[in-house]
Amino acid sequence: MSFVPLSESAYDRRRLRQWTRGSARTSGIDRRDLMKLVAAASAAVPLGLAAGPAGAVPAAVAAGIVKPLPPELFTIRGTNAETNFASLRGTGLHTPADRFFVRNHTVTPRIEAADWRLGVWGSGLTGPGVHFTCDDLRALPAVTRTAFVECAGNGRSFYTTQQGQQVSGTAWTLGAIGVARWRGARLGDVLRRAGISPGAVDVLPRGLDDEVVSGGINLGRVRRPLPVAKALDDVLLAYEMNGEPLPPDHGHPVRLIVPNWVGISSIKWVGDIEVSAEPLYTPWNTDMYRLFGAGHPAGGSAPLTRQGLKSAFELAAGAILPVHREVELTGRSWSGGAPVRKVEISTDGGRYWCPARLRDTPRRGSWVRWSAGWVPRRRGPAVLLARATDATGRTQSEVAVHNTQGYLFDAVVRHPVTVD
């Protein structure tokens, strides 16, 4: 193709200007309804009490998840299931499907691969829309890529418990992430086969799960536009996870994998893709998955794209550790910006730091496992800390910049233990 799509940063700036002046098309929802949602999103409500897709709902609704959710592996959070991070110890680089977190807006649909069709259509194509079957996708060159999928709200609860700030949404700790080996066709190959035009600006995948209703407003099916530059770069239409067909809760038969970006971009159960010659807006890039609050632009930030920088111990909060005996502390660190190159830990609440040993070669789009030995010398409560530095030189901070919906928490997390 002869055209050069906008870079991610240029796309973000343009989108923010377009949304502010109202010069973009809303997809599947009245703009007045969308504006009501945006106004509500700018005000924080107590954690876990927000209305709508990100808010807490009765635990019984989690019956909409297909796979077993044993309490030693998961914490149920409404329609979602958070991986207990301690359960990842010893599991290897790739997260097994039986303990990969689940982020659902409604319930997991059951879709037969033989019945599935992907429609690709819109004003950004040179011709009429086309359809692909699972066999059509498998006939395209296959790509295998290790990549994490992480909810933008991962770590959200720490805004409240650690920084004393109110936020809305599901009260994730650090288990709304998983790393898998994904196999599928390049989205770029599909778009080229469909005849993407030089005038295309947005690529909008839409899921086949139930429509989402929030505050009496039908938001439609989950969908969020990608810039053409990203869609043609490293995005996969994945049909395998860790060498097996996708499980139902993780997008069977086909899902998007958008490396390094917030998890909402990696649409599960994808059913159609609109390629548009004009900018598109949906609730998932207007009132949700943007940053609102005093530390951000008036009216909100540009839609979220890349994930932040985090570290987590493979250890239960409040764990009891033996005094005068060496303990091997293990954990994982990751960044959406660049490979993690260094991890440090502190066993005294941050007074002293020592390097951890990296157990994996740092790679873009994945996490690194690490370990460090510690011999506790005193009985009583202690606080463990882990902080990562990525290849750009960015290091986790002591405090995350607040936003009302609690996205992208990237500060060092205080991990309490007891020595006995």
Protein backbone atom coordinates (compact mmCIF):
# COMPACT_ATOMS: atom_id res chain seq x y z
CA MET A 1 0.00 0.00 0.00
CA SER A 2 1.21 3.47 -0.84
CA PHE A 3 -0.26 5.43 2.06
CA VAL A 4 1.39 5.92 5.44
CA PRO A 5 -1.10 5.78 8.34
CA LEU A 6 -0.89 8.14 11.29
CA SER A 7 1.50 7.27 14.10
CA GLU A 8 -0.09 6.33 17.42
CA SER A 9 0.80 9.64 19.09
CA ALA A 10 -0.52 11.69 16.17
CA TYR A 11 -3.69 9.58 16.16
CA ASP A 12 -4.22 10.22 19.88
CA ARG A 13 -3.84 13.97 19.48
CA ARG A 14 -6.21 14.07 16.53
CA ARG A 15 -8.82 11.94 18.28
CA LEU A 16 -8.84 14.18 21.34
CA ARG A 17 -9.39 17.27 19.15
CA GLN A 18 -12.10 15.55 17.12
CA TRP A 19 -14.01 14.39 20.17
CA THR A 20 -13.79 17.81 21.85
CA ARG A 21 -15.25 19.65 18.86
CA GLY A 22 -17.79 16.93 18.01
CA SER A 23 -16.45 16.21 14.52
CA ALA A 24 -16.60 12.41 14.69
CA ARG A 25 -19.32 9.82 14.16
CA THR A 26 -20.69 7.84 17.07
CA SER A 27 -21.16 4.15 16.33
CA GLY A 28 -24.35 2.45 17.46
CA ILE A 29 -25.40 4.99 20.12
CA ASP A 30 -27.00 8.44 20.10
CA ARG A 31 -24.45 11.19 20.71
CA ARG A 32 -26.65 12.79 23.38
CA ASP A 33 -26.67 9.51 25.33
CA LEU A 34 -22.92 9.27 24.89
CA MET A 35 -22.46 12.78 26.27
CA LYS A 36 -24.51 11.85 29.36
CA LEU A 37 -22.19 8.91 29.98
CA VAL A 38 -19.08 11.07 29.52
CA ALA A 39 -20.39 13.59 32.05
CA ALA A 40 -20.98 10.79 34.56
CA ALA A 41 -17.52 9.31 33.95
CA SER A 42 -15.77 12.48 35.11
CA ALA A 43 -17.01 12.06 38.69
CA ALA A 44 -15.61 9.32 40.92
CA VAL A 45 -17.96 7.12 42.93
CA PRO A 46 -16.86 4.67 45.63
CA LEU A 47 -14.81 1.75 44.36
CA GLY A 48 -16.91 -1.12 43.09
CA LEU A 49 -20.21 0.80 43.25
CA ALA A 50 -20.22 2.31 39.78
CA ALA A 51 -23.15 1.59 37.50
CA GLY A 52 -22.46 0.03 34.14
CA PRO A 53 -20.00 -2.46 32.68
CA ALA A 54 -17.08 -1.66 34.99
CA GLY A 55 -19.13 -1.73 38.19
CA ALA A 56 -19.64 -4.52 40.69
CA VAL A 57 -22.64 -6.83 40.35
CA PRO A 58 -23.83 -9.74 42.49
CA ALA A 59 -21.32 -12.60 42.57
CA ALA A 60 -23.94 -15.04 41.28
CA VAL A 61 -23.76 -13.38 37.88
CA ALA A 62 -20.30 -14.92 37.52
CA ALA A 63 -22.17 -18.12 36.59
CA GLY A 64 -21.92 -16.59 33.12
CA ILE A 65 -18.26 -17.71 33.08
CA VAL A 66 -17.87 -21.20 31.65
CA LYS A 67 -14.69 -22.56 33.23
CA PRO A 68 -14.40 -23.59 36.91
CA LEU A 69 -13.41 -20.80 39.31
CA PRO A 70 -11.88 -22.50 42.36
CA PRO A 71 -11.19 -20.01 45.18
CA GLU A 72 -7.52 -20.94 45.36
CA LEU A 73 -7.11 -19.71 41.77
CA PHE A 74 -9.64 -16.88 41.41
CA THR A 75 -11.39 -14.06 43.19
CA ILE A 76 -14.83 -13.53 41.65
CA ARG A 77 -15.64 -9.88 40.94
CA GLY A 78 -19.14 -9.67 39.50
CA THR A 79 -19.05 -10.88 35.89
CA ASN A 80 -15.25 -11.12 36.15
CA ALA A 81 -12.72 -13.47 37.72
CA GLU A 82 -9.35 -12.18 38.95
CA THR A 83 -6.36 -14.51 39.02
CA ASN A 84 -4.89 -14.91 42.50
CA PHE A 85 -1.32 -13.94 41.71
CA ALA A 86 0.16 -16.44 44.17
CA SER A 87 -1.31 -19.24 42.03
CA LEU A 88 1.07 -18.32 39.18
CA ARG A 89 4.15 -19.41 41.12
CA GLY A 90 5.75 -22.29 39.25
CA THR A 91 3.45 -22.07 36.21
CA GLY A 92 6.09 -20.89 33.72
CA LEU A 93 6.10 -17.88 31.44
CA HIS A 94 2.69 -18.57 29.88
CA THR A 95 -0.44 -18.41 32.01
CA PRO A 96 -2.41 -21.67 31.85
CA ALA A 97 -5.92 -21.18 30.51
CA ASP A 98 -7.40 -22.60 33.71
CA ARG A 99 -6.04 -19.65 35.70
CA PHE A 100 -6.11 -16.87 33.09
CA PHE A 101 -8.25 -13.96 34.36
CA VAL A 102 -11.69 -13.33 32.84
CA ARG A 103 -13.01 -9.86 31.99
CA ASN A 104 -16.61 -10.08 30.75
CA HIS A 105 -19.04 -7.24 30.20
CA THR A 106 -22.00 -9.64 30.19
CA VAL A 107 -21.69 -13.44 30.00
CA THR A 108 -19.55 -15.81 27.97
CA PRO A 109 -21.31 -16.74 24.69
CA ARG A 110 -21.08 -20.26 23.27
CA ILE A 111 -20.25 -20.05 19.56
CA GLU A 112 -19.59 -22.98 17.24
CA ALA A 113 -16.53 -22.50 15.05
CA ALA A 114 -18.31 -24.07 12.08
CA ASP A 115 -21.05 -21.42 12.28
CA TRP A 116 -18.75 -18.43 12.78
CA ARG A 117 -18.30 -15.76 10.12
CA LEU A 118 -16.27 -12.55 10.26
CA GLY A 119 -17.73 -9.69 8.27
CA VAL A 120 -15.36 -6.92 7.14
CA TRP A 121 -17.16 -3.88 5.76
CA GLY A 122 -17.35 -0.09 5.70
CA SER A 123 -16.53 3.14 3.92
CA GLY A 124 -12.81 2.52 4.36
CA LEU A 125 -12.82 -0.36 1.85
CA THR A 126 -12.35 -0.03 -1.89
CA GLY A 127 -15.21 -2.45 -2.59
CA PRO A 128 -18.12 -4.25 -0.92
CA GLY A 129 -17.77 -6.07 2.36
CA VAL A 130 -16.34 -9.59 2.54
CA HIS A 131 -16.69 -12.54 4.91
CA PHE A 132 -14.14 -14.95 6.36
CA THR A 133 -14.72 -18.36 7.93
CA CYS A 134 -12.40 -20.05 10.44
CA ASP A 135 -10.99 -22.10 7.55
CA ASP A 136 -10.35 -18.89 5.59
CA LEU A 137 -8.37 -17.47 8.50
CA ARG A 138 -6.37 -20.67 8.91
CA ALA A 139 -5.51 -20.57 5.19
CA LEU A 140 -3.70 -17.25 5.72
CA PRO A 141 -0.07 -17.18 6.95
CA ALA A 142 -0.12 -18.03 10.66
CA VAL A 143 1.73 -16.00 13.28
CA THR A 144 2.54 -17.12 16.84
CA ARG A 145 3.19 -14.38 19.38
CA THR A 146 3.64 -14.31 23.17
CA ALA A 147 1.73 -11.33 24.53
CA PHE A 148 0.01 -10.18 27.70
CA VAL A 149 -3.62 -9.15 27.92
CA GLU A 150 -4.28 -6.81 30.85
CA CYS A 151 -7.37 -4.93 31.92
CA ALA A 152 -6.83 -1.15 32.03
CA GLY A 153 -8.19 -1.22 35.58
CA ASN A 154 -5.65 -3.75 36.86
CA GLY A 155 -4.41 -2.43 40.21
CA ARG A 156 -7.42 -0.09 40.55
CA SER A 157 -8.10 -0.93 44.21
CA PHE A 158 -4.74 0.52 45.26
CA TYR A 159 -5.88 4.05 44.42
CA THR A 160 -8.20 3.66 47.41
CA THR A 161 -6.38 1.27 49.76
CA GLN A 162 -2.90 2.72 49.23
CA GLN A 163 -3.48 6.33 48.18
CA GLY A 164 -6.82 7.06 49.87
CA GLN A 165 -8.49 8.23 46.64
CA GLN A 166 -11.99 7.39 45.43
CA VAL A 167 -12.36 5.69 42.06
CA SER A 168 -15.13 3.78 40.30
CA GLY A 169 -15.07 0.34 38.76
CA THR A 170 -14.17 -3.26 39.54
CA ALA A 171 -11.81 -3.50 42.53
CA TRP A 172 -8.98 -5.40 40.85
CA THR A 173 -5.73 -5.96 42.72
CA LEU A 174 -2.96 -7.11 40.32
CA GLY A 175 -4.44 -10.30 38.87
CA ALA A 176 -6.28 -8.86 35.84
CA ILE A 177 -3.43 -9.90 33.54
CA GLY A 178 -2.26 -13.04 31.78
CA VAL A 179 0.43 -13.91 29.26
CA ALA A 180 -0.24 -16.53 26.59
CA ARG A 181 1.16 -17.86 23.35
CA TRP A 182 -1.37 -16.76 20.75
CA ARG A 183 -1.60 -18.10 17.20
CA GLY A 184 -3.65 -16.63 14.41
CA ALA A 185 -3.76 -14.54 11.25
CA ARG A 186 -2.52 -10.98 11.01
CA LEU A 187 -5.36 -8.47 11.06
CA GLY A 188 -3.39 -6.57 8.43
CA ASP A 189 -3.57 -9.55 6.04
CA VAL A 190 -7.34 -9.73 6.50
CA LEU A 191 -7.77 -5.99 5.92
CA ARG A 192 -5.64 -6.11 2.78
CA ARG A 193 -7.65 -9.07 1.46
CA ALA A 194 -10.81 -7.07 2.15
CA GLY A 195 -9.44 -4.09 0.18
CA ILE A 196 -8.60 -1.43 2.78
CA SER A 197 -8.39 1.95 1.07
CA PRO A 198 -5.84 4.77 1.50
CA GLY A 199 -8.64 6.86 3.02
CA ALA A 200 -9.31 4.49 5.92
CA VAL A 201 -8.74 6.00 9.38
CA ASP A 202 -10.41 3.66 11.89
CA VAL A 203 -10.82 -0.10 12.26
CA LEU A 204 -13.70 -1.05 14.57
CA PRO A 205 -13.95 -4.71 15.71
CA ARG A 206 -17.18 -5.72 17.44
CA GLY A 207 -17.79 -8.68 19.76
CA LEU A 208 -20.56 -11.27 19.61
CA ASP A 209 -21.35 -11.21 23.33
CA ASP A 210 -24.63 -9.74 24.55
CA GLU A 211 -25.39 -6.03 24.27
CA VAL A 212 -24.40 -3.99 27.31
CA VAL A 213 -26.97 -1.84 29.13
CA SER A 214 -25.77 0.87 31.51
CA GLY A 215 -27.96 3.33 33.38
CA GLY A 216 -30.91 2.44 31.16
CA ILE A 217 -28.90 3.14 27.99
CA ASN A 218 -28.21 0.32 25.55
CA LEU A 219 -24.54 0.67 24.64
CA GLY A 220 -24.67 -2.14 22.09
CA ARG A 221 -22.05 -4.84 21.73
CA VAL A 222 -18.52 -4.26 22.95
CA ARG A 223 -16.51 -2.44 20.28
CA ARG A 224 -13.58 -0.04 20.25
CA PRO A 225 -11.80 1.52 17.25
CA LEU A 226 -8.14 0.99 16.44
CA PRO A 227 -6.04 3.36 14.36
CA VAL A 228 -5.12 1.93 10.97
CA ALA A 229 -1.42 2.13 11.91
CA LYS A 230 -1.91 -0.28 14.82
CA ALA A 231 -4.33 -2.55 12.93
CA LEU A 232 -1.79 -3.05 10.15
CA ASP A 233 1.13 -3.50 12.53
CA ASP A 234 1.11 -6.34 15.08
CA VAL A 235 -2.56 -7.16 15.76
CA LEU A 236 -3.66 -10.79 15.51
CA LEU A 237 -6.99 -12.46 14.85
CA ALA A 238 -6.15 -15.32 17.21
CA TYR A 239 -7.77 -18.74 17.14
CA GLU A 240 -5.34 -20.59 19.46
CA MET A 241 -4.13 -19.98 23.01
CA ASN A 242 -1.12 -21.91 24.35
CA GLY A 243 -1.35 -24.41 21.50
CA GLU A 244 -5.06 -25.18 21.90
CA PRO A 245 -8.25 -23.71 20.41
CA LEU A 246 -9.39 -20.64 22.32
CA PRO A 247 -11.51 -21.57 25.36
CA PRO A 248 -15.02 -20.04 25.43
CA ASP A 249 -14.17 -17.49 28.17
CA HIS A 250 -11.17 -16.27 26.21
CA GLY A 251 -12.81 -15.59 22.88
CA HIS A 252 -13.63 -18.85 21.07
CA PRO A 253 -13.55 -19.16 18.15
CA VAL A 254 -11.64 -15.95 17.25
CA ARG A 255 -10.53 -12.88 19.19
CA LEU A 256 -8.25 -9.90 18.65
CA ILE A 257 -4.88 -9.67 20.34
CA VAL A 258 -3.57 -6.10 20.41
CA PRO A 259 -0.08 -6.29 21.94
CA ASN A 260 0.86 -3.81 24.68
CA TRP A 261 -2.50 -2.02 24.58
CA VAL A 262 -5.23 -1.94 27.23
CA GLY A 263 -7.20 -5.19 27.29
CA ILE A 264 -10.46 -3.69 26.02
CA SER A 265 -8.76 -3.36 22.61
CA SER A 266 -8.36 -7.16 22.36
CA ILE A 267 -12.03 -7.78 21.54
CA LYS A 268 -13.21 -11.31 22.34
CA TRP A 269 -15.61 -13.33 20.14
CA VAL A 270 -15.08 -10.87 17.31
CA GLY A 271 -17.91 -11.04 14.75
CA ASP A 272 -17.45 -8.08 12.43
CA ILE A 273 -14.97 -5.32 11.68
CA GLU A 274 -15.97 -1.93 10.31
CA VAL A 275 -13.28 -0.14 8.33
CA SER A 276 -14.18 3.54 8.27
CA ALA A 277 -13.08 6.55 6.27
CA GLU A 278 -14.18 8.80 9.13
CA PRO A 279 -13.35 8.71 12.85
CA LEU A 280 -15.59 6.55 15.02
CA TYR A 281 -16.58 6.84 18.66
CA THR A 282 -18.18 4.30 20.98
CA PRO A 283 -18.71 4.27 24.76
CA TRP A 284 -15.47 2.31 25.06
CA ASN A 285 -13.30 5.20 23.85
CA THR A 286 -15.34 8.14 25.20
CA ASP A 287 -16.77 7.75 28.72
CA MET A 288 -14.77 4.58 29.41
CA TYR A 289 -11.05 4.01 28.90
CA ARG A 290 -10.07 7.65 29.07
CA LEU A 291 -8.58 9.56 32.00
CA PHE A 292 -10.68 12.11 33.89
CA GLY A 293 -9.67 14.13 36.93
CA ALA A 294 -7.59 17.03 38.15
CA GLY A 295 -4.33 15.67 36.75
CA HIS A 296 -5.68 15.31 33.21
CA PRO A 297 -6.92 17.60 30.42
CA ALA A 298 -10.28 19.31 30.89
CA GLY A 299 -12.87 17.04 29.33
CA GLY A 300 -10.64 13.99 29.63
CA SER A 301 -7.56 12.51 28.01
CA ALA A 302 -7.25 10.88 24.62
CA PRO A 303 -8.50 7.26 24.54
CA LEU A 304 -6.16 4.89 26.37
CA THR A 305 -3.73 2.86 24.30
CA ARG A 306 -0.54 1.47 25.87
CA GLN A 307 -0.41 -0.23 29.22
CA GLY A 308 1.79 1.00 32.06
CA LEU A 309 4.56 -0.53 34.19
CA LYS A 310 3.81 -2.93 37.05
CA SER A 311 5.29 -5.55 39.37
CA ALA A 312 3.63 -8.20 41.52
CA PHE A 313 4.78 -10.80 44.04
CA GLU A 314 3.71 -14.42 43.60
CA LEU A 315 2.71 -14.42 47.24
CA ALA A 316 -0.59 -14.00 49.03
CA ALA A 317 -1.12 -10.66 50.78
CA GLY A 318 -0.66 -11.20 54.51
CA ALA A 319 1.36 -14.39 54.03
CA ILE A 320 3.19 -15.70 57.12
CA LEU A 321 6.93 -16.22 56.57
CA PRO A 322 9.42 -17.96 58.91
CA VAL A 323 11.96 -15.93 60.85
CA HIS A 324 15.69 -16.71 60.43
CA ARG A 325 15.05 -18.95 57.42
CA GLU A 326 15.78 -18.03 53.82
CA VAL A 327 12.69 -17.37 51.74
CA GLU A 328 12.72 -17.19 47.95
CA LEU A 329 10.60 -14.25 46.89
CA THR A 330 9.30 -14.52 43.34
CA GLY A 331 7.21 -12.32 41.11
CA ARG A 332 6.64 -10.85 37.67
CA SER A 333 7.05 -7.39 36.09
CA TRP A 334 5.77 -6.03 32.79
CA SER A 335 5.44 -2.85 30.72
CA GLY A 336 3.41 -1.80 27.71
CA GLY A 337 6.11 0.66 26.71
CA ALA A 338 9.28 -1.44 26.43
CA PRO A 339 10.85 -4.64 27.77
CA VAL A 340 11.56 -4.67 31.51
CA ARG A 341 15.33 -4.51 32.04
CA LYS A 342 15.65 -4.32 35.83
CA VAL A 343 13.67 -5.26 38.94
CA GLU A 344 14.51 -4.26 42.52
CA ILE A 345 12.93 -5.39 45.75
CA SER A 346 12.77 -3.96 49.25
CA THR A 347 11.97 -5.98 52.37
CA ASP A 348 11.85 -3.02 54.77
CA GLY A 349 9.14 -0.87 53.21
CA GLY A 350 11.41 0.98 50.78
CA ARG A 351 14.40 2.06 52.85
CA TYR A 352 16.84 -0.22 51.04
CA TRP A 353 16.59 -1.81 47.59
CA CYS A 354 18.44 -4.77 46.08
CA PRO A 355 18.36 -6.23 42.56
CA ALA A 356 16.26 -9.28 41.79
CA ARG A 357 17.44 -11.99 39.41
CA LEU A 358 15.60 -11.98 36.10
CA ARG A 359 14.57 -15.49 35.06
CA ASP A 360 13.52 -14.62 31.50
CA THR A 361 15.04 -12.70 28.63
CA PRO A 362 13.15 -9.39 28.57
CA ARG A 363 10.88 -9.19 25.53
CA ARG A 364 8.45 -6.61 24.29
CA GLY A 365 4.83 -7.43 25.06
CA SER A 366 5.56 -10.03 27.74
CA TRP A 367 6.49 -10.08 31.40
CA VAL A 368 9.68 -11.23 33.11
CA ARG A 369 9.73 -13.55 36.08
CA TRP A 370 12.19 -12.71 38.85
CA SER A 371 13.37 -13.99 42.20
CA ALA A 372 15.38 -12.87 45.24
CA GLY A 373 16.39 -14.51 48.50
CA TRP A 374 15.50 -13.01 51.88
CA VAL A 375 16.23 -14.07 55.45
CA PRO A 376 13.79 -12.26 57.78
CA ARG A 377 15.56 -11.22 61.00
CA ARG A 378 12.66 -9.92 63.08
CA ARG A 379 9.23 -11.20 63.95
CA GLY A 380 6.22 -9.02 63.23
CA PRO A 381 4.63 -7.23 60.28
CA ALA A 382 6.74 -6.32 57.26
CA VAL A 383 6.12 -4.66 53.90
CA LEU A 384 7.62 -6.00 50.67
CA LEU A 385 8.03 -3.81 47.62
CA ALA A 386 9.01 -4.53 44.02
CA ARG A 387 9.73 -1.94 41.36
CA ALA A 388 10.63 -2.35 37.71
CA THR A 389 12.52 -0.25 35.20
CA ASP A 390 11.91 -0.73 31.48
CA ALA A 391 14.19 -0.19 28.50
CA THR A 392 13.04 3.43 28.11
CA GLY A 393 14.47 4.15 31.57
CA ARG A 394 11.08 4.55 33.19
CA THR A 395 10.85 3.26 36.79
CA GLN A 396 7.70 2.64 38.80
CA SER A 397 6.82 5.64 40.92
CA GLU A 398 5.76 5.86 44.55
CA VAL A 399 2.40 7.41 43.67
CA ALA A 400 0.13 6.95 40.65
CA VAL A 401 -1.58 9.99 39.13
CA HIS A 402 -5.24 9.75 40.14
CA ASN A 403 -8.08 9.45 37.65
CA THR A 404 -11.75 9.02 38.53
CA GLN A 405 -12.16 5.57 36.94
CA GLY A 406 -8.98 4.13 38.39
CA TYR A 407 -7.16 3.17 35.20
CA LEU A 408 -3.44 2.49 34.67
CA PHE A 409 -2.30 2.25 38.30
CA ASP A 410 1.49 2.04 37.97
CA ALA A 411 2.91 2.88 41.41
CA VAL A 412 4.90 0.45 43.56
CA VAL A 413 2.44 -1.75 45.46
CA ARG A 414 2.93 -2.30 49.19
CA HIS A 415 2.72 -6.05 49.88
CA PRO A 416 2.11 -6.84 53.58
CA VAL A 417 3.44 -10.05 55.20
CA THR A 418 3.98 -11.29 58.74
CA VAL A 419 7.24 -12.82 59.96
CA ASP A 420 6.83 -15.47 62.66
